[in-house]
Amino acid sequence: MTHENRRRRRRWALAALAGITPATLAFVGIQVADAATAPAGASLVAASRSITAERYDIGDGFTVDLDLGLNVVAGKEPLEIRAARKSYANPITAELVTAGKRVALPKGTVTDFAGLKRLTTVTIKNGKGAVVKRYWTNWCPNSEDSVRTRPDAPAQTPYPFGCDAGNPFALGAVWGVQAGWASSTDDLPTHGKAFDLPVGKYTVTVSVNAPYQKLFGMTAKQATATVALTVVKGREDSKAETRAHDHEHGPQVSSYRAEYRPAAKPDVRAAAPTSGPRPDLRSLPAWGISIEKAPKNKWYVNFGATVWNGGSSPLLVDGFRRSGQGLMDAYQYFFDAQGNQVGAVPAGTMEWDKRVGHLHWHFTDFAQYNLLKADQKQAARSGKEAFCLANTDQVDYTIPQAKWRPYNTDLETSCGTQTSVGVREVLDIGNGDTYTQDRPGQSFDVTGLPNGTYYIQVKANPAGKLAELSTGNNTSLRKIVLGGTAAKRTLTVPPVNGIKG
């Protein structure tokens, strides 16, 4: 079963949970139907007493795609966890924020920005009562298909989609479950190996581990759920149905373009406001760095680069197309503390990029990538000098006014099409825009460079066309060491305060 099919099945389970009646609430462990008598703490809830899972032959063994339909349901108060580090030299610490109080999470429960470690213990027994599997599961509270579980729960949840652990230099994250809402738990062990159970009947008991029971105010009953599991031989036609559905519907696309459109061409100010909210562009150290041999014995250093907004306003740039041209005039917009637009200034241009892997409008004055020698004089420059702004990374959601649910998160859909007459590109507060090393043109040609120490420089707002709170944090440097011979170059990337990304 594909990941998308699993998510569809999870949605059905959550939909069933969202529609539970007072009669069924007793079964799932919630003895109430409204907030007045909702449990103070969270509950572990099973959407169904019994489930069926299919077992497939994958060539070198078997696998069972296990979906237990278990959810953590928040009680009277939201479950909100904030994880952050003061600097790259400091460890990540986390706190539960509830009822105006902050409670430190036990050591070892948060070690990265992927979520909570070892939330549950899963015990699977066969028909004879013998334990056949027991393992831990981790948990990301920011379930993408979270739903409310009682009629009077808040209509919306403010918490982000997913737990973003992709950027090694992220600084802060917010995870949460809205009061009265459900967040699905992980079902499988985190080691990544194929999970298998022979065809047959099992009893699965899932328990929230003791540190979290205490932290979330769970009783022993609220922290445990039991499900009857039947494993059957997988049907080949179910795989075919899944493939047909995925082909028919295609990839999901961002709704950003439908919800946000460029404003009318602005009344231009002579200069940016000298006070009030403004973005603050900050560069993270380059990461995901590698060396690659190309035809004709060419050598390239590839890298990922992130610029993020740590300011008090989104960076919002609108482009207006020049008639009949593949060029737009770009303007940066400004807002007051209440979010009202107060003006705009010219901010360069946007251009249509027709290369495979792009096919969208690029803002031309956002960032610059340089390779510096040991004395920090320029040795090379990346050909990547224009950008489709999008909120690809959760860099620090703990800063004030961070946008936890940005809309334009997809590089393929947030920056217009060839026929667009206008484009809006946004980098929201707390979010970063990452260009990974597989993007065309993003590399340094190091073929003729001697061995030695170099620095990858990521520089935001290089021409100073964007108005921001500070330019003192626009540049980052990442040390690399080139070695080897002309026939076989080598690359060493020292960690940053122990971070190897």
Protein backbone atom coordinates (compact mmCIF):
# COMPACT_ATOMS: atom_id res chain seq x y z
CA MET A 1 0.00 0.00 0.00
CA THR A 2 1.37 3.42 -0.93
CA HIS A 3 1.92 6.27 1.51
CA GLU A 4 -0.95 8.21 -0.09
CA ASN A 5 -3.31 5.26 0.26
CA ARG A 6 -2.31 4.91 3.91
CA ARG A 7 -3.08 8.58 4.46
CA ARG A 8 -6.50 8.15 2.83
CA ARG A 9 -7.25 5.25 5.14
CA ARG A 10 -6.09 7.30 8.10
CA ARG A 11 -8.49 10.08 7.06
CA TRP A 12 -11.39 7.60 7.04
CA ALA A 13 -10.45 6.49 10.55
CA LEU A 14 -10.22 10.08 11.74
CA ALA A 15 -13.51 10.93 10.06
CA ALA A 16 -15.11 8.09 12.00
CA LEU A 17 -13.51 9.41 15.18
CA ALA A 18 -14.78 12.92 14.46
CA GLY A 19 -18.32 11.57 14.21
CA ILE A 20 -18.39 9.52 17.43
CA THR A 21 -21.57 9.60 19.46
CA PRO A 22 -22.00 9.76 23.25
CA ALA A 23 -22.67 6.01 23.23
CA THR A 24 -19.33 5.23 21.59
CA LEU A 25 -17.37 7.77 23.59
CA ALA A 26 -17.23 5.36 26.52
CA PHE A 27 -15.48 2.79 24.32
CA VAL A 28 -12.81 5.13 23.05
CA GLY A 29 -12.04 6.40 26.53
CA ILE A 30 -13.70 9.84 26.34
CA GLN A 31 -16.67 9.82 28.69
CA VAL A 32 -18.08 13.16 27.51
CA ALA A 33 -19.51 14.93 24.50
CA ASP A 34 -18.60 18.54 25.28
CA ALA A 35 -15.85 20.64 26.77
CA ALA A 36 -17.56 21.08 30.14
CA THR A 37 -16.85 17.49 31.12
CA ALA A 38 -13.90 16.80 28.83
CA PRO A 39 -10.92 15.17 30.54
CA ALA A 40 -8.34 17.64 31.75
CA GLY A 41 -5.51 15.66 30.20
CA ALA A 42 -5.03 13.97 26.86
CA SER A 43 -6.29 10.52 25.87
CA LEU A 44 -5.03 7.78 23.58
CA VAL A 45 -7.98 6.87 21.39
CA ALA A 46 -8.58 3.98 18.98
CA ALA A 47 -10.94 4.79 16.11
CA SER A 48 -12.06 1.15 15.88
CA ARG A 49 -12.06 -1.96 18.07
CA SER A 50 -10.67 -4.09 15.24
CA ILE A 51 -8.73 -3.60 12.04
CA THR A 52 -7.55 -5.69 9.11
CA ALA A 53 -4.09 -5.32 7.56
CA GLU A 54 -2.82 -6.83 4.31
CA ARG A 55 0.44 -8.74 3.94
CA TYR A 56 2.40 -8.43 0.67
CA ASP A 57 5.23 -10.33 -0.92
CA ILE A 58 7.90 -7.72 -1.79
CA GLY A 59 10.30 -10.14 -3.47
CA ASP A 60 12.91 -10.55 -0.76
CA GLY A 61 10.37 -11.07 2.01
CA PHE A 62 6.97 -9.92 3.22
CA THR A 63 5.62 -6.66 4.61
CA VAL A 64 2.48 -5.64 6.49
CA ASP A 65 1.34 -2.04 6.11
CA LEU A 66 0.08 -1.49 9.65
CA ASP A 67 -2.41 1.30 10.37
CA LEU A 68 -3.81 1.00 13.88
CA GLY A 69 -5.97 4.15 13.70
CA LEU A 70 -4.69 5.46 17.04
CA ASN A 71 -4.79 9.13 17.99
CA VAL A 72 -3.84 11.38 20.86
CA VAL A 73 -6.86 13.55 21.69
CA ALA A 74 -6.25 16.78 23.62
CA GLY A 75 -8.57 17.48 26.55
CA LYS A 76 -9.72 20.85 27.85
CA GLU A 77 -6.45 22.56 26.94
CA PRO A 78 -4.33 22.30 23.80
CA LEU A 79 -1.12 20.29 23.96
CA GLU A 80 1.56 22.72 22.82
CA ILE A 81 5.27 21.96 22.80
CA ARG A 82 8.00 24.42 21.90
CA ALA A 83 11.48 23.12 21.08
CA ALA A 84 14.43 25.43 20.47
CA ARG A 85 18.16 25.93 20.83
CA LYS A 86 19.86 29.22 21.70
CA SER A 87 22.67 28.56 19.24
CA TYR A 88 24.24 25.70 17.32
CA ALA A 89 26.54 25.15 20.30
CA ASN A 90 23.54 24.53 22.59
CA PRO A 91 21.37 21.40 22.77
CA ILE A 92 17.71 21.44 21.84
CA THR A 93 15.41 21.87 24.82
CA ALA A 94 11.63 21.62 24.88
CA GLU A 95 8.74 22.80 27.05
CA LEU A 96 5.06 21.94 27.30
CA VAL A 97 3.05 25.17 27.25
CA THR A 98 -0.32 24.70 28.91
CA ALA A 99 -2.69 26.89 30.95
CA GLY A 100 -0.13 29.68 30.98
CA LYS A 101 2.60 27.47 32.43
CA ARG A 102 5.77 26.03 30.92
CA VAL A 103 6.95 22.57 31.94
CA ALA A 104 10.33 21.27 30.77
CA LEU A 105 10.18 17.94 28.93
CA PRO A 106 12.26 15.10 30.38
CA LYS A 107 15.76 14.65 29.00
CA GLY A 108 15.87 12.46 25.89
CA THR A 109 12.27 13.08 24.81
CA VAL A 110 13.35 15.71 22.24
CA THR A 111 16.70 15.36 20.46
CA ASP A 112 15.88 16.96 17.09
CA PHE A 113 13.02 18.77 15.36
CA ALA A 114 11.32 15.59 14.12
CA GLY A 115 9.02 15.31 17.14
CA LEU A 116 8.85 13.39 20.41
CA LYS A 117 10.93 10.28 20.96
CA ARG A 118 9.42 7.04 22.25
CA LEU A 119 5.90 8.24 22.88
CA THR A 120 4.34 4.78 22.92
CA THR A 121 5.17 1.14 23.43
CA VAL A 122 3.42 -1.24 21.03
CA THR A 123 2.95 -4.85 22.14
CA ILE A 124 1.60 -7.44 19.69
CA LYS A 125 0.45 -10.85 20.91
CA ASN A 126 -0.62 -13.81 18.79
CA GLY A 127 -3.74 -15.91 19.28
CA LYS A 128 -2.01 -17.93 22.03
CA GLY A 129 -1.17 -14.81 24.03
CA ALA A 130 2.56 -14.89 23.27
CA VAL A 131 4.33 -11.60 22.56
CA VAL A 132 5.57 -11.64 18.96
CA LYS A 133 6.64 -7.98 18.69
CA ARG A 134 7.29 -5.12 21.08
CA TYR A 135 8.72 -1.77 20.02
CA TRP A 136 8.76 1.99 20.60
CA THR A 137 7.19 4.59 18.32
CA ASN A 138 7.97 8.29 18.00
CA TRP A 139 5.33 10.98 17.46
CA CYS A 140 4.87 14.20 15.54
CA PRO A 141 1.91 16.02 17.15
CA ASN A 142 1.40 18.14 14.01
CA SER A 143 -0.68 15.55 12.18
CA GLU A 144 -1.55 16.76 8.68
CA ASP A 145 -4.99 15.13 8.87
CA SER A 146 -5.87 16.26 12.39
CA VAL A 147 -9.62 16.64 13.10
CA ARG A 148 -11.78 17.77 15.98
CA THR A 149 -13.49 15.09 18.04
CA ARG A 150 -16.33 16.93 19.73
CA PRO A 151 -18.90 19.40 18.35
CA ASP A 152 -17.84 22.36 20.50
CA ALA A 153 -14.10 22.05 19.90
CA PRO A 154 -12.47 25.08 18.23
CA ALA A 155 -13.19 25.24 14.51
CA GLN A 156 -9.53 25.58 13.52
CA THR A 157 -6.14 24.42 14.75
CA PRO A 158 -3.26 26.90 14.64
CA TYR A 159 -0.46 24.34 14.64
CA PRO A 160 1.88 23.68 11.70
CA PHE A 161 1.63 20.84 9.22
CA GLY A 162 4.16 18.16 10.10
CA CYS A 163 7.43 18.20 12.00
CA ASP A 164 10.19 19.50 9.75
CA ALA A 165 13.54 17.87 10.52
CA GLY A 166 14.99 18.29 7.05
CA ASN A 167 17.16 21.35 7.73
CA PRO A 168 20.03 20.57 10.12
CA PHE A 169 20.37 24.24 11.07
CA ALA A 170 16.77 24.88 12.15
CA LEU A 171 16.50 26.80 15.43
CA GLY A 172 13.00 26.29 16.81
CA ALA A 173 9.79 24.34 16.32
CA VAL A 174 6.21 24.37 17.61
CA TRP A 175 4.17 21.17 17.85
CA GLY A 176 0.61 20.96 19.07
CA VAL A 177 -2.81 19.38 19.25
CA GLN A 178 -5.75 21.77 19.53
CA ALA A 179 -8.16 21.23 22.47
CA GLY A 180 -10.66 18.55 21.50
CA TRP A 181 -8.70 17.63 18.38
CA ALA A 182 -7.03 14.33 17.44
CA SER A 183 -3.49 13.79 16.18
CA SER A 184 -2.57 10.40 14.71
CA THR A 185 0.28 8.43 16.24
CA ASP A 186 2.96 6.39 14.52
CA ASP A 187 2.17 2.70 14.09
CA LEU A 188 5.48 1.21 12.99
CA PRO A 189 8.96 1.09 14.51
CA THR A 190 11.33 3.81 13.36
CA HIS A 191 14.19 1.58 12.16
CA GLY A 192 12.92 1.70 8.56
CA LYS A 193 13.03 -2.05 7.93
CA ALA A 194 10.13 -3.97 6.40
CA PHE A 195 7.51 -4.78 9.05
CA ASP A 196 6.06 -8.28 8.83
CA LEU A 197 3.54 -10.46 10.63
CA PRO A 198 2.28 -13.85 9.42
CA VAL A 199 -1.34 -14.12 8.35
CA GLY A 200 -3.44 -14.59 11.47
CA LYS A 201 -5.15 -12.88 14.42
CA TYR A 202 -3.42 -10.68 16.98
CA THR A 203 -4.08 -8.39 19.91
CA VAL A 204 -2.26 -5.05 19.80
CA THR A 205 -1.87 -3.02 23.00
CA VAL A 206 -0.46 0.49 22.73
CA SER A 207 0.57 2.41 25.84
CA VAL A 208 1.79 5.97 26.20
CA ASN A 209 5.06 5.74 28.08
CA ALA A 210 5.30 6.94 31.68
CA PRO A 211 7.14 10.27 31.14
CA TYR A 212 4.45 11.41 28.71
CA GLN A 213 1.56 10.12 30.85
CA LYS A 214 2.70 12.43 33.62
CA LEU A 215 3.48 15.31 31.28
CA PHE A 216 0.10 15.18 29.49
CA GLY A 217 -1.96 14.52 32.63
CA MET A 218 -3.13 11.08 31.49
CA THR A 219 -4.59 8.42 33.73
CA ALA A 220 -3.45 4.84 33.10
CA LYS A 221 -6.75 4.16 31.36
CA GLN A 222 -6.44 7.24 29.14
CA ALA A 223 -2.90 6.19 28.18
CA THR A 224 -3.73 2.70 26.87
CA ALA A 225 -5.65 1.38 23.87
CA THR A 226 -6.20 -2.18 22.61
CA VAL A 227 -7.07 -3.20 19.07
CA ALA A 228 -7.86 -6.62 17.55
CA LEU A 229 -5.71 -7.08 14.44
CA THR A 230 -6.35 -9.52 11.61
CA VAL A 231 -3.56 -9.94 9.03
CA VAL A 232 -4.73 -11.28 5.67
CA LYS A 233 -3.03 -12.03 2.37
CA GLY A 234 -2.79 -8.89 0.29
CA ARG A 235 -4.88 -8.52 -2.85
CA GLU A 236 -2.99 -7.57 -5.99
CA ASP A 237 -6.00 -5.63 -7.26
CA SER A 238 -5.77 -3.30 -4.26
CA LYS A 239 -2.31 -2.25 -5.44
CA ALA A 240 -3.66 -1.67 -8.93
CA GLU A 241 -6.53 0.41 -7.53
CA THR A 242 -4.08 2.54 -5.59
CA ARG A 243 -1.92 3.12 -8.68
CA ALA A 244 -5.00 4.02 -10.75
CA HIS A 245 -6.21 6.50 -8.13
CA ASP A 246 -2.80 8.17 -7.85
CA HIS A 247 -2.54 8.42 -11.64
CA GLU A 248 -6.03 9.84 -11.96
CA HIS A 249 -5.66 12.54 -9.35
CA GLY A 250 -1.97 13.30 -9.80
CA PRO A 251 0.11 15.16 -7.23
CA GLN A 252 -1.57 17.54 -4.84
CA VAL A 253 -0.79 21.18 -5.51
CA SER A 254 -0.67 24.15 -3.21
CA SER A 255 -3.78 26.31 -2.92
CA TYR A 256 -1.59 29.38 -2.58
CA ARG A 257 -2.09 30.68 -6.10
CA ALA A 258 -5.86 30.43 -5.77
CA GLU A 259 -5.99 32.23 -2.41
CA TYR A 260 -3.40 34.97 -2.90
CA ARG A 261 -3.10 37.23 -5.91
CA PRO A 262 -0.90 40.23 -6.59
CA ALA A 263 -2.34 43.56 -5.58
CA ALA A 264 -2.96 46.34 -8.05
CA LYS A 265 0.25 48.06 -9.07
CA PRO A 266 1.12 50.14 -6.00
CA ASP A 267 1.51 53.81 -5.31
CA VAL A 268 5.27 53.80 -4.97
CA ARG A 269 6.92 55.38 -1.95
CA ALA A 270 10.17 57.26 -2.33
CA ALA A 271 11.75 55.04 0.33
CA ALA A 272 10.90 52.19 2.64
CA PRO A 273 9.40 53.06 6.06
CA THR A 274 12.08 53.79 8.67
CA SER A 275 9.99 52.30 11.46
CA GLY A 276 7.33 49.66 11.93
CA PRO A 277 7.34 45.94 11.07
CA ARG A 278 9.85 44.74 8.51
CA PRO A 279 11.34 41.38 7.46
CA ASP A 280 14.81 40.35 8.57
CA LEU A 281 16.60 38.04 6.14
CA ARG A 282 19.11 35.68 7.76
CA SER A 283 21.36 33.11 6.09
CA LEU A 284 21.91 29.65 7.54
CA PRO A 285 25.18 27.76 6.96
CA ALA A 286 25.29 25.82 3.69
CA TRP A 287 24.40 22.15 4.15
CA GLY A 288 24.00 18.88 2.24
CA ILE A 289 27.39 19.54 0.68
CA SER A 290 28.96 17.05 -1.74
CA ILE A 291 31.45 16.83 -4.60
CA GLU A 292 30.53 15.45 -8.03
CA LYS A 293 32.51 14.46 -11.10
CA ALA A 294 31.02 15.63 -14.39
CA PRO A 295 31.92 14.82 -18.03
CA LYS A 296 35.30 16.01 -19.34
CA ASN A 297 36.82 15.50 -15.89
CA LYS A 298 35.00 18.48 -14.42
CA TRP A 299 34.46 18.66 -10.64
CA TYR A 300 31.60 20.50 -8.93
CA VAL A 301 30.77 21.20 -5.29
CA ASN A 302 27.02 20.97 -4.71
CA PHE A 303 25.24 22.39 -1.65
CA GLY A 304 21.94 23.38 -0.11
CA ALA A 305 21.33 26.95 1.04
CA THR A 306 18.63 28.48 3.23
CA VAL A 307 17.65 32.10 3.79
CA TRP A 308 14.96 32.67 6.40
CA ASN A 309 12.88 35.53 7.77
CA GLY A 310 13.45 36.30 11.45
CA GLY A 311 11.77 39.72 11.35
CA SER A 312 8.47 41.26 12.41
CA SER A 313 6.78 41.24 8.98
CA PRO A 314 6.59 38.85 6.05
CA LEU A 315 8.74 39.56 3.05
CA LEU A 316 6.08 40.12 0.39
CA VAL A 317 7.14 40.85 -3.18
CA ASP A 318 4.62 41.35 -5.99
CA GLY A 319 5.62 41.16 -9.63
CA PHE A 320 3.78 42.94 -12.47
CA ARG A 321 4.44 41.72 -15.98
CA ARG A 322 5.69 44.07 -18.65
CA SER A 323 3.41 43.78 -21.65
CA GLY A 324 4.48 40.94 -23.95
CA GLN A 325 7.76 40.33 -22.09
CA GLY A 326 9.22 37.57 -19.92
CA LEU A 327 9.98 40.15 -17.26
CA MET A 328 8.09 41.58 -14.31
CA ASP A 329 8.69 44.70 -12.23
CA ALA A 330 8.94 43.72 -8.55
CA TYR A 331 7.78 45.74 -5.54
CA GLN A 332 8.25 45.07 -1.83
CA TYR A 333 5.17 45.80 0.28
CA PHE A 334 5.07 47.05 3.87
CA PHE A 335 2.51 46.72 6.64
CA ASP A 336 1.77 48.33 9.99
CA ALA A 337 1.45 46.49 13.31
CA GLN A 338 -2.21 45.68 12.53
CA GLY A 339 -1.31 44.13 9.18
CA ASN A 340 -2.58 47.01 7.04
CA GLN A 341 -0.65 47.77 3.87
CA VAL A 342 1.18 51.09 4.19
CA GLY A 343 3.19 51.28 0.98
CA ALA A 344 5.61 49.68 -1.44
CA VAL A 345 8.98 50.39 -3.04
CA PRO A 346 10.65 49.02 -6.19
CA ALA A 347 12.62 45.84 -5.51
CA GLY A 348 14.15 44.85 -8.84
CA THR A 349 12.62 42.40 -11.27
CA MET A 350 11.24 38.90 -11.76
CA GLU A 351 12.10 36.80 -14.79
CA TRP A 352 10.62 33.65 -16.33
CA ASP A 353 12.94 30.63 -15.92
CA LYS A 354 12.19 28.04 -18.61
CA ARG A 355 14.76 25.46 -17.46
CA VAL A 356 13.60 21.99 -16.45
CA GLY A 357 13.31 21.92 -12.67
CA HIS A 358 12.19 25.55 -12.54
CA LEU A 359 9.43 26.66 -14.96
CA HIS A 360 8.31 29.55 -12.79
CA TRP A 361 9.02 33.22 -12.12
CA HIS A 362 12.24 34.04 -10.29
CA PHE A 363 12.87 37.08 -8.14
CA THR A 364 16.33 38.27 -9.16
CA ASP A 365 17.60 40.09 -6.05
CA PHE A 366 17.13 37.66 -3.18
CA ALA A 367 20.45 35.84 -2.56
CA GLN A 368 23.91 35.10 -3.87
CA TYR A 369 26.24 32.12 -3.38
CA ASN A 370 30.02 32.53 -3.45
CA LEU A 371 32.97 30.23 -2.87
CA LEU A 372 35.70 32.05 -0.95
CA LYS A 373 39.36 31.15 -0.52
CA ALA A 374 40.97 30.78 2.91
CA ASP A 375 41.64 34.53 2.93
CA GLN A 376 37.93 34.97 2.10
CA LYS A 377 38.59 36.42 -1.34
CA GLN A 378 36.28 35.12 -4.04
CA ALA A 379 37.28 31.91 -5.82
CA ALA A 380 34.02 31.12 -7.65
CA ARG A 381 30.37 32.13 -7.86
CA SER A 382 27.34 29.91 -8.25
CA GLY A 383 25.28 30.34 -11.38
CA LYS A 384 22.19 30.37 -9.17
CA GLU A 385 21.24 34.05 -8.86
CA ALA A 386 17.43 34.15 -9.12
CA PHE A 387 14.84 32.59 -6.83
CA CYS A 388 11.24 31.49 -6.48
CA LEU A 389 10.44 32.50 -2.91
CA ALA A 390 8.54 29.84 -0.98
CA ASN A 391 8.21 28.75 2.64
CA THR A 392 9.98 25.41 2.37
CA ASP A 393 11.45 25.07 5.90
CA GLN A 394 10.27 25.62 9.47
CA VAL A 395 13.39 27.38 10.74
CA ASP A 396 12.17 28.95 13.99
CA TYR A 397 8.49 28.85 14.89
CA THR A 398 9.17 29.96 18.46
CA ILE A 399 9.89 33.60 17.55
CA PRO A 400 7.10 36.20 17.92
CA GLN A 401 4.50 36.27 15.12
CA ALA A 402 5.95 33.22 13.36
CA LYS A 403 3.56 31.98 10.65
CA TRP A 404 2.90 28.35 11.55
CA ARG A 405 0.75 27.60 8.52
CA PRO A 406 2.21 29.42 5.52
CA TYR A 407 0.44 28.87 2.22
CA ASN A 408 3.13 28.93 -0.44
CA THR A 409 5.15 25.87 0.47
CA ASP A 410 5.54 24.30 -2.98
CA LEU A 411 8.20 25.59 -5.36
CA GLU A 412 6.32 24.11 -8.31
CA THR A 413 3.09 26.06 -7.74
CA SER A 414 3.76 29.19 -5.71
CA CYS A 415 5.57 31.25 -8.35
CA GLY A 416 3.20 31.39 -11.28
CA THR A 417 3.08 29.99 -14.77
CA GLN A 418 4.36 31.14 -18.15
CA THR A 419 1.09 32.94 -18.82
CA SER A 420 0.88 34.75 -15.45
CA VAL A 421 0.39 38.51 -15.62
CA GLY A 422 1.34 38.92 -11.97
CA VAL A 423 2.96 36.89 -9.21
CA ARG A 424 3.12 37.19 -5.43
CA GLU A 425 6.11 35.66 -3.65
CA VAL A 426 6.21 35.51 0.14
CA LEU A 427 8.67 34.50 2.85
CA ASP A 428 6.74 34.40 6.11
CA ILE A 429 8.07 35.05 9.60
CA GLY A 430 9.94 32.06 11.05
CA ASN A 431 10.11 30.30 7.69
CA GLY A 432 13.04 29.63 5.39
CA ASP A 433 13.46 29.23 1.66
CA THR A 434 15.86 26.39 0.83
CA TYR A 435 17.43 25.67 -2.51
CA THR A 436 18.86 22.16 -2.52
CA GLN A 437 21.83 20.96 -4.50
CA ASP A 438 19.72 19.29 -7.20
CA ARG A 439 18.46 22.63 -8.51
CA PRO A 440 19.94 23.54 -11.91
CA GLY A 441 22.91 25.92 -11.74
CA GLN A 442 23.45 25.60 -7.99
CA SER A 443 27.07 24.48 -7.71
CA PHE A 444 30.67 25.68 -7.84
CA ASP A 445 33.08 24.61 -10.57
CA VAL A 446 36.20 23.64 -8.59
CA THR A 447 38.02 21.85 -11.41
CA GLY A 448 40.92 24.27 -11.56
CA LEU A 449 41.05 25.21 -7.88
CA PRO A 450 44.02 24.02 -5.79
CA ASN A 451 43.56 21.86 -2.72
CA GLY A 452 42.98 23.73 0.50
CA THR A 453 40.43 25.44 2.72
CA TYR A 454 37.46 27.31 1.26
CA TYR A 455 34.21 28.82 2.53
CA ILE A 456 30.74 28.62 1.02
CA GLN A 457 29.19 32.05 1.46
CA VAL A 458 25.39 32.38 1.46
CA LYS A 459 24.46 36.04 1.17
CA ALA A 460 20.89 37.33 1.40
CA ASN A 461 19.75 40.57 -0.22
CA PRO A 462 23.14 41.03 -1.95
CA ALA A 463 22.27 44.24 -3.79
CA GLY A 464 20.47 45.79 -0.81
CA LYS A 465 17.25 46.27 -2.76
CA LEU A 466 15.08 44.80 -0.01
CA ALA A 467 14.30 46.81 3.12
CA GLU A 468 14.78 44.82 6.32
CA LEU A 469 15.43 45.25 10.05
CA SER A 470 19.13 44.41 9.85
CA THR A 471 21.72 43.48 7.25
CA GLY A 472 24.26 42.33 9.83
CA ASN A 473 22.99 38.73 9.72
CA ASN A 474 22.62 38.40 5.94
CA THR A 475 25.81 36.38 5.39
CA SER A 476 26.88 32.93 6.58
CA LEU A 477 30.10 31.00 5.93
CA ARG A 478 30.58 27.21 5.86
CA LYS A 479 34.10 25.80 5.81
CA ILE A 480 35.04 23.05 3.35
CA VAL A 481 38.37 21.43 2.47
CA LEU A 482 39.25 20.32 -1.08
CA GLY A 483 41.82 17.56 -1.55
CA GLY A 484 42.79 14.64 -3.77
CA THR A 485 44.08 14.76 -7.33
CA ALA A 486 42.81 16.07 -10.65
CA ALA A 487 41.51 12.58 -11.43
CA LYS A 488 39.87 12.09 -8.03
CA ARG A 489 39.02 15.15 -5.97
CA THR A 490 37.97 14.78 -2.34
CA LEU A 491 35.86 16.96 -0.09
CA THR A 492 35.85 17.30 3.70
CA VAL A 493 33.08 19.27 5.45
CA PRO A 494 33.84 20.00 9.13
CA PRO A 495 30.74 20.04 11.36
CA VAL A 496 29.37 23.28 12.84
CA ASN A 497 29.39 22.88 16.61
CA GLY A 498 28.95 19.15 16.12
CA ILE A 499 26.19 19.48 13.48
CA LYS A 500 27.23 17.47 10.44
CA GLY A 501 24.55 18.56 8.04
